[in-house]
Amino acid sequence: ENIATVDENGVITGVAEGETTITATVGELSAS
């Protein structure tokens, strides 16, 4: 979250220069 944040609606915000991963999870299913 020092690089990017994501809220409960899936809105991603850039915070600082760098690279990270956002993961979406439904039950046992997920994607990044």
All heavy atoms as atom14 arrays in JSON, in Angstrom:
{
  "sequence": "ENIATVDENGVITGVAEGETTITATVGELSAS",
  "atom14_mask": [
    [1, 1, 1, 1, 1, 1, 1, 1, 1, 0, 0, 0, 0, 0],
    [1, 1, 1, 1, 1, 1, 1, 1, 0, 0, 0, 0, 0, 0],
    [1, 1, 1, 1, 1, 1, 1, 1, 0, 0, 0, 0, 0, 0],
    [1, 1, 1, 1, 1, 0, 0, 0, 0, 0, 0, 0, 0, 0],
    [1, 1, 1, 1, 1, 1, 1, 0, 0, 0, 0, 0, 0, 0],
    [1, 1, 1, 1, 1, 1, 1, 0, 0, 0, 0, 0, 0, 0],
    [1, 1, 1, 1, 1, 1, 1, 1, 0, 0, 0, 0, 0, 0],
    [1, 1, 1, 1, 1, 1, 1, 1, 1, 0, 0, 0, 0, 0],
    [1, 1, 1, 1, 1, 1, 1, 1, 0, 0, 0, 0, 0, 0],
    [1, 1, 1, 1, 0, 0, 0, 0, 0, 0, 0, 0, 0, 0],
    [1, 1, 1, 1, 1, 1, 1, 0, 0, 0, 0, 0, 0, 0],
    [1, 1, 1, 1, 1, 1, 1, 1, 0, 0, 0, 0, 0, 0],
    [1, 1, 1, 1, 1, 1, 1, 0, 0, 0, 0, 0, 0, 0],
    [1, 1, 1, 1, 0, 0, 0, 0, 0, 0, 0, 0, 0, 0],
    [1, 1, 1, 1, 1, 1, 1, 0, 0, 0, 0, 0, 0, 0],
    [1, 1, 1, 1, 1, 0, 0, 0, 0, 0, 0, 0, 0, 0],
    [1, 1, 1, 1, 1, 1, 1, 1, 1, 0, 0, 0, 0, 0],
    [1, 1, 1, 1, 0, 0, 0, 0, 0, 0, 0, 0, 0, 0],
    [1, 1, 1, 1, 1, 1, 1, 1, 1, 0, 0, 0, 0, 0],
    [1, 1, 1, 1, 1, 1, 1, 0, 0, 0, 0, 0, 0, 0],
    [1, 1, 1, 1, 1, 1, 1, 0, 0, 0, 0, 0, 0, 0],
    [1, 1, 1, 1, 1, 1, 1, 1, 0, 0, 0, 0, 0, 0],
    [1, 1, 1, 1, 1, 1, 1, 0, 0, 0, 0, 0, 0, 0],
    [1, 1, 1, 1, 1, 0, 0, 0, 0, 0, 0, 0, 0, 0],
    [1, 1, 1, 1, 1, 1, 1, 0, 0, 0, 0, 0, 0, 0],
    [1, 1, 1, 1, 1, 1, 1, 0, 0, 0, 0, 0, 0, 0],
    [1, 1, 1, 1, 0, 0, 0, 0, 0, 0, 0, 0, 0, 0],
    [1, 1, 1, 1, 1, 1, 1, 1, 1, 0, 0, 0, 0, 0],
    [1, 1, 1, 1, 1, 1, 1, 1, 0, 0, 0, 0, 0, 0],
    [1, 1, 1, 1, 1, 1, 0, 0, 0, 0, 0, 0, 0, 0],
    [1, 1, 1, 1, 1, 0, 0, 0, 0, 0, 0, 0, 0, 0],
    [1, 1, 1, 1, 1, 1, 0, 0, 0, 0, 0, 0, 0, 0]
  ],
  "atom14_positions": [
    [[0.81, -1.22, 0.0], [0.0, 0.0, 0.0], [0.85, 1.27, 0.0], [0.31, 2.37, -0.16], [-0.95, -0.02, 1.2], [-2.02, -1.1, 1.08], [-3.12, -0.93, 2.11], [-2.87, -0.22, 3.12], [-4.2, -1.49, 1.9], [0.0, 0.0, 0.0], [0.0, 0.0, 0.0], [0.0, 0.0, 0.0], [0.0, 0.0, 0.0], [0.0, 0.0, 0.0]],
    [[2.16, 1.14, 0.17], [3.03, 2.31, 0.02], [3.21, 2.69, -1.45], [3.66, 3.79, -1.76], [4.4, 2.04, 0.64], [4.34, 1.91, 2.15], [3.64, 2.69, 2.8], [5.05, 0.93, 2.69], [0.0, 0.0, 0.0], [0.0, 0.0, 0.0], [0.0, 0.0, 0.0], [0.0, 0.0, 0.0], [0.0, 0.0, 0.0], [0.0, 0.0, 0.0]],
    [[2.91, 1.75, -2.32], [3.02, 2.0, -3.77], [1.65, 2.24, -4.38], [1.45, 3.19, -5.15], [3.74, 0.82, -4.45], [5.19, 0.75, -3.94], [3.72, 0.99, -5.97], [5.96, -0.44, -4.46], [0.0, 0.0, 0.0], [0.0, 0.0, 0.0], [0.0, 0.0, 0.0], [0.0, 0.0, 0.0], [0.0, 0.0, 0.0], [0.0, 0.0, 0.0]],
    [[0.67, 1.38, -4.07], [-0.68, 1.54, -4.6], [-1.67, 0.98, -3.61], [-1.42, -0.05, -2.97], [-0.81, 0.85, -5.95], [0.0, 0.0, 0.0], [0.0, 0.0, 0.0], [0.0, 0.0, 0.0], [0.0, 0.0, 0.0], [0.0, 0.0, 0.0], [0.0, 0.0, 0.0], [0.0, 0.0, 0.0], [0.0, 0.0, 0.0], [0.0, 0.0, 0.0]],
    [[-2.83, 1.63, -3.48], [-3.91, 1.14, -2.63], [-5.08, 0.72, -3.5], [-5.19, 1.14, -4.66], [-4.37, 2.22, -1.64], [-4.87, 3.35, -2.38], [-3.22, 2.67, -0.74], [0.0, 0.0, 0.0], [0.0, 0.0, 0.0], [0.0, 0.0, 0.0], [0.0, 0.0, 0.0], [0.0, 0.0, 0.0], [0.0, 0.0, 0.0], [0.0, 0.0, 0.0]],
    [[-5.99, -0.11, -2.93], [-7.19, -0.51, -3.63], [-8.32, -0.58, -2.59], [-8.14, -1.09, -1.48], [-7.01, -1.87, -4.35], [-6.65, -2.98, -3.38], [-8.25, -2.23, -5.15], [0.0, 0.0, 0.0], [0.0, 0.0, 0.0], [0.0, 0.0, 0.0], [0.0, 0.0, 0.0], [0.0, 0.0, 0.0], [0.0, 0.0, 0.0], [0.0, 0.0, 0.0]],
    [[-9.5, -0.02, -2.92], [-10.61, -0.03, -1.97], [-11.53, -1.2, -2.25], [-11.29, -2.03, -3.14], [-11.34, 1.31, -1.98], [-12.05, 1.6, -3.29], [-12.2, 0.68, -4.13], [-12.46, 2.77, -3.5], [0.0, 0.0, 0.0], [0.0, 0.0, 0.0], [0.0, 0.0, 0.0], [0.0, 0.0, 0.0], [0.0, 0.0, 0.0], [0.0, 0.0, 0.0]],
    [[-12.65, -1.29, -1.47], [-13.57, -2.42, -1.58], [-14.29, -2.48, -2.91], [-14.85, -3.51, -3.28], [-14.59, -2.36, -0.43], [-15.54, -1.18, -0.48], [-14.98, 0.07, 0.18], [-13.75, 0.1, 0.49], [-15.73, 1.03, 0.37], [0.0, 0.0, 0.0], [0.0, 0.0, 0.0], [0.0, 0.0, 0.0], [0.0, 0.0, 0.0], [0.0, 0.0, 0.0]],
    [[-14.27, -1.37, -3.66], [-14.91, -1.33, -4.97], [-13.91, -1.59, -6.11], [-14.28, -1.49, -7.28], [-15.6, 0.01, -5.19], [-16.7, 0.25, -4.18], [-17.53, -0.64, -3.93], [-16.71, 1.45, -3.59], [0.0, 0.0, 0.0], [0.0, 0.0, 0.0], [0.0, 0.0, 0.0], [0.0, 0.0, 0.0], [0.0, 0.0, 0.0], [0.0, 0.0, 0.0]],
    [[-12.68, -1.89, -5.77], [-11.68, -2.18, -6.79], [-11.07, -0.96, -7.43], [-10.49, -1.04, -8.52], [0.0, 0.0, 0.0], [0.0, 0.0, 0.0], [0.0, 0.0, 0.0], [0.0, 0.0, 0.0], [0.0, 0.0, 0.0], [0.0, 0.0, 0.0], [0.0, 0.0, 0.0], [0.0, 0.0, 0.0], [0.0, 0.0, 0.0], [0.0, 0.0, 0.0]],
    [[-11.16, 0.2, -6.76], [-10.54, 1.43, -7.28], [-9.1, 1.48, -6.79], [-8.85, 1.51, -5.58], [-11.31, 2.68, -6.84], [-10.6, 3.94, -7.34], [-12.74, 2.63, -7.37], [0.0, 0.0, 0.0], [0.0, 0.0, 0.0], [0.0, 0.0, 0.0], [0.0, 0.0, 0.0], [0.0, 0.0, 0.0], [0.0, 0.0, 0.0], [0.0, 0.0, 0.0]],
    [[-8.16, 1.5, -7.74], [-6.73, 1.47, -7.44], [-6.18, 2.89, -7.54], [-6.47, 3.62, -8.49], [-5.99, 0.55, -8.42], [-6.62, -0.85, -8.42], [-4.51, 0.47, -8.08], [-6.16, -1.73, -9.55], [0.0, 0.0, 0.0], [0.0, 0.0, 0.0], [0.0, 0.0, 0.0], [0.0, 0.0, 0.0], [0.0, 0.0, 0.0], [0.0, 0.0, 0.0]],
    [[-5.33, 3.28, -6.56], [-4.74, 4.62, -6.54], [-3.22, 4.51, -6.45], [-2.7, 3.82, -5.56], [-5.26, 5.44, -5.34], [-6.68, 5.53, -5.41], [-4.67, 6.85, -5.35], [0.0, 0.0, 0.0], [0.0, 0.0, 0.0], [0.0, 0.0, 0.0], [0.0, 0.0, 0.0], [0.0, 0.0, 0.0], [0.0, 0.0, 0.0], [0.0, 0.0, 0.0]],
    [[-2.52, 5.2, -7.38], [-1.06, 5.23, -7.33], [-0.59, 6.13, -6.19], [-1.08, 7.25, -6.04], [0.0, 0.0, 0.0], [0.0, 0.0, 0.0], [0.0, 0.0, 0.0], [0.0, 0.0, 0.0], [0.0, 0.0, 0.0], [0.0, 0.0, 0.0], [0.0, 0.0, 0.0], [0.0, 0.0, 0.0], [0.0, 0.0, 0.0], [0.0, 0.0, 0.0]],
    [[0.33, 5.62, -5.38], [0.81, 6.36, -4.22], [2.24, 6.85, -4.42], [2.55, 8.02, -4.24], [0.73, 5.49, -2.95], [1.31, 6.24, -1.75], [-0.72, 5.09, -2.67], [0.0, 0.0, 0.0], [0.0, 0.0, 0.0], [0.0, 0.0, 0.0], [0.0, 0.0, 0.0], [0.0, 0.0, 0.0], [0.0, 0.0, 0.0], [0.0, 0.0, 0.0]],
    [[3.14, 5.96, -4.79], [4.55, 6.31, -4.96], [5.16, 5.45, -6.06], [4.64, 4.38, -6.39], [5.31, 6.14, -3.65], [0.0, 0.0, 0.0], [0.0, 0.0, 0.0], [0.0, 0.0, 0.0], [0.0, 0.0, 0.0], [0.0, 0.0, 0.0], [0.0, 0.0, 0.0], [0.0, 0.0, 0.0], [0.0, 0.0, 0.0], [0.0, 0.0, 0.0]],
    [[6.27, 5.92, -6.61], [6.91, 5.21, -7.71], [7.3, 3.8, -7.27], [7.85, 3.59, -6.19], [8.14, 5.97, -8.17], [8.83, 5.36, -9.37], [10.07, 6.14, -9.8], [10.62, 6.88, -8.94], [10.46, 6.0, -10.97], [0.0, 0.0, 0.0], [0.0, 0.0, 0.0], [0.0, 0.0, 0.0], [0.0, 0.0, 0.0], [0.0, 0.0, 0.0]],
    [[6.99, 2.83, -8.09], [7.35, 1.46, -7.79], [6.39, 0.48, -8.45], [5.56, 0.85, -9.29], [0.0, 0.0, 0.0], [0.0, 0.0, 0.0], [0.0, 0.0, 0.0], [0.0, 0.0, 0.0], [0.0, 0.0, 0.0], [0.0, 0.0, 0.0], [0.0, 0.0, 0.0], [0.0, 0.0, 0.0], [0.0, 0.0, 0.0], [0.0, 0.0, 0.0]],
    [[6.47, -0.81, -8.06], [5.64, -1.85, -8.66], [5.09, -2.76, -7.55], [5.81, -3.13, -6.62], [6.46, -2.67, -9.66], [5.66, -3.68, -10.46], [6.51, -4.33, -11.54], [6.72, -3.69, -12.58], [6.98, -5.46, -11.32], [0.0, 0.0, 0.0], [0.0, 0.0, 0.0], [0.0, 0.0, 0.0], [0.0, 0.0, 0.0], [0.0, 0.0, 0.0]],
    [[3.82, -3.12, -7.63], [3.2, -4.01, -6.68], [2.14, -4.84, -7.38], [1.97, -4.73, -8.61], [2.6, -3.24, -5.49], [2.18, -4.17, -4.49], [1.42, -2.38, -5.93], [0.0, 0.0, 0.0], [0.0, 0.0, 0.0], [0.0, 0.0, 0.0], [0.0, 0.0, 0.0], [0.0, 0.0, 0.0], [0.0, 0.0, 0.0], [0.0, 0.0, 0.0]],
    [[1.39, -5.65, -6.6], [0.36, -6.52, -7.16], [-0.96, -6.27, -6.45], [-1.0, -6.14, -5.22], [0.75, -7.99, -6.99], [1.99, -8.22, -7.67], [-0.31, -8.92, -7.57], [0.0, 0.0, 0.0], [0.0, 0.0, 0.0], [0.0, 0.0, 0.0], [0.0, 0.0, 0.0], [0.0, 0.0, 0.0], [0.0, 0.0, 0.0], [0.0, 0.0, 0.0]],
    [[-2.03, -6.19, -7.23], [-3.39, -6.1, -6.7], [-4.05, -7.47, -6.9], [-4.03, -8.03, -8.0], [-4.2, -5.02, -7.4], [-3.57, -3.65, -7.16], [-5.65, -5.04, -6.94], [-3.54, -3.23, -5.71], [0.0, 0.0, 0.0], [0.0, 0.0, 0.0], [0.0, 0.0, 0.0], [0.0, 0.0, 0.0], [0.0, 0.0, 0.0], [0.0, 0.0, 0.0]],
    [[-4.66, -8.04, -5.83], [-5.3, -9.36, -5.89], [-6.8, -9.23, -5.6], [-7.2, -8.53, -4.65], [-4.67, -10.32, -4.87], [-3.27, -10.41, -5.13], [-5.31, -11.7, -4.96], [0.0, 0.0, 0.0], [0.0, 0.0, 0.0], [0.0, 0.0, 0.0], [0.0, 0.0, 0.0], [0.0, 0.0, 0.0], [0.0, 0.0, 0.0], [0.0, 0.0, 0.0]],
    [[-7.6, -9.87, -6.46], [-9.06, -9.94, -6.27], [-9.41, -11.37, -5.88], [-9.05, -12.32, -6.58], [-9.78, -9.53, -7.54], [0.0, 0.0, 0.0], [0.0, 0.0, 0.0], [0.0, 0.0, 0.0], [0.0, 0.0, 0.0], [0.0, 0.0, 0.0], [0.0, 0.0, 0.0], [0.0, 0.0, 0.0], [0.0, 0.0, 0.0], [0.0, 0.0, 0.0]],
    [[-10.17, -11.55, -4.77], [-10.5, -12.88, -4.26], [-12.0, -13.03, -4.05], [-12.64, -12.13, -3.47], [-9.78, -13.15, -2.92], [-8.37, -13.0, -3.11], [-10.08, -14.56, -2.41], [0.0, 0.0, 0.0], [0.0, 0.0, 0.0], [0.0, 0.0, 0.0], [0.0, 0.0, 0.0], [0.0, 0.0, 0.0], [0.0, 0.0, 0.0], [0.0, 0.0, 0.0]],
    [[-12.58, -14.15, -4.57], [-13.98, -14.53, -4.31], [-13.93, -15.95, -3.78], [-13.65, -16.9, -4.54], [-14.83, -14.43, -5.58], [-16.28, -14.84, -5.26], [-14.79, -13.02, -6.16], [0.0, 0.0, 0.0], [0.0, 0.0, 0.0], [0.0, 0.0, 0.0], [0.0, 0.0, 0.0], [0.0, 0.0, 0.0], [0.0, 0.0, 0.0], [0.0, 0.0, 0.0]],
    [[-14.19, -16.1, -2.51], [-14.11, -17.42, -1.92], [-12.72, -17.99, -2.05], [-11.74, -17.39, -1.59], [0.0, 0.0, 0.0], [0.0, 0.0, 0.0], [0.0, 0.0, 0.0], [0.0, 0.0, 0.0], [0.0, 0.0, 0.0], [0.0, 0.0, 0.0], [0.0, 0.0, 0.0], [0.0, 0.0, 0.0], [0.0, 0.0, 0.0], [0.0, 0.0, 0.0]],
    [[-12.64, -19.13, -2.73], [-11.34, -19.76, -2.94], [-10.72, -19.38, -4.28], [-9.63, -19.83, -4.61], [-11.49, -21.29, -2.86], [-11.92, -21.78, -1.5], [-12.02, -23.3, -1.44], [-11.83, -23.93, -2.51], [-12.28, -23.84, -0.37], [0.0, 0.0, 0.0], [0.0, 0.0, 0.0], [0.0, 0.0, 0.0], [0.0, 0.0, 0.0], [0.0, 0.0, 0.0]],
    [[-11.45, -18.55, -5.03], [-10.95, -18.12, -6.34], [-10.26, -16.77, -6.22], [-10.72, -15.89, -5.49], [-12.1, -18.03, -7.34], [-12.92, -19.3, -7.56], [-14.11, -19.0, -8.46], [-12.04, -20.4, -8.15], [0.0, 0.0, 0.0], [0.0, 0.0, 0.0], [0.0, 0.0, 0.0], [0.0, 0.0, 0.0], [0.0, 0.0, 0.0], [0.0, 0.0, 0.0]],
    [[-9.18, -16.55, -6.98], [-8.47, -15.27, -6.93], [-7.73, -15.01, -8.25], [-7.48, -15.94, -9.03], [-7.47, -15.22, -5.77], [-6.44, -16.17, -5.97], [0.0, 0.0, 0.0], [0.0, 0.0, 0.0], [0.0, 0.0, 0.0], [0.0, 0.0, 0.0], [0.0, 0.0, 0.0], [0.0, 0.0, 0.0], [0.0, 0.0, 0.0], [0.0, 0.0, 0.0]],
    [[-7.38, -13.74, -8.46], [-6.59, -13.32, -9.62], [-5.76, -12.11, -9.22], [-6.13, -11.35, -8.32], [-7.49, -12.97, -10.8], [0.0, 0.0, 0.0], [0.0, 0.0, 0.0], [0.0, 0.0, 0.0], [0.0, 0.0, 0.0], [0.0, 0.0, 0.0], [0.0, 0.0, 0.0], [0.0, 0.0, 0.0], [0.0, 0.0, 0.0], [0.0, 0.0, 0.0]],
    [[-4.63, -11.91, -9.89], [-3.72, -10.8, -9.56], [-3.34, -10.02, -10.81], [-3.37, -10.54, -11.93], [-2.45, -11.34, -8.88], [-2.76, -11.97, -7.67], [0.0, 0.0, 0.0], [0.0, 0.0, 0.0], [0.0, 0.0, 0.0], [0.0, 0.0, 0.0], [0.0, 0.0, 0.0], [0.0, 0.0, 0.0], [0.0, 0.0, 0.0], [0.0, 0.0, 0.0]]
  ]
}
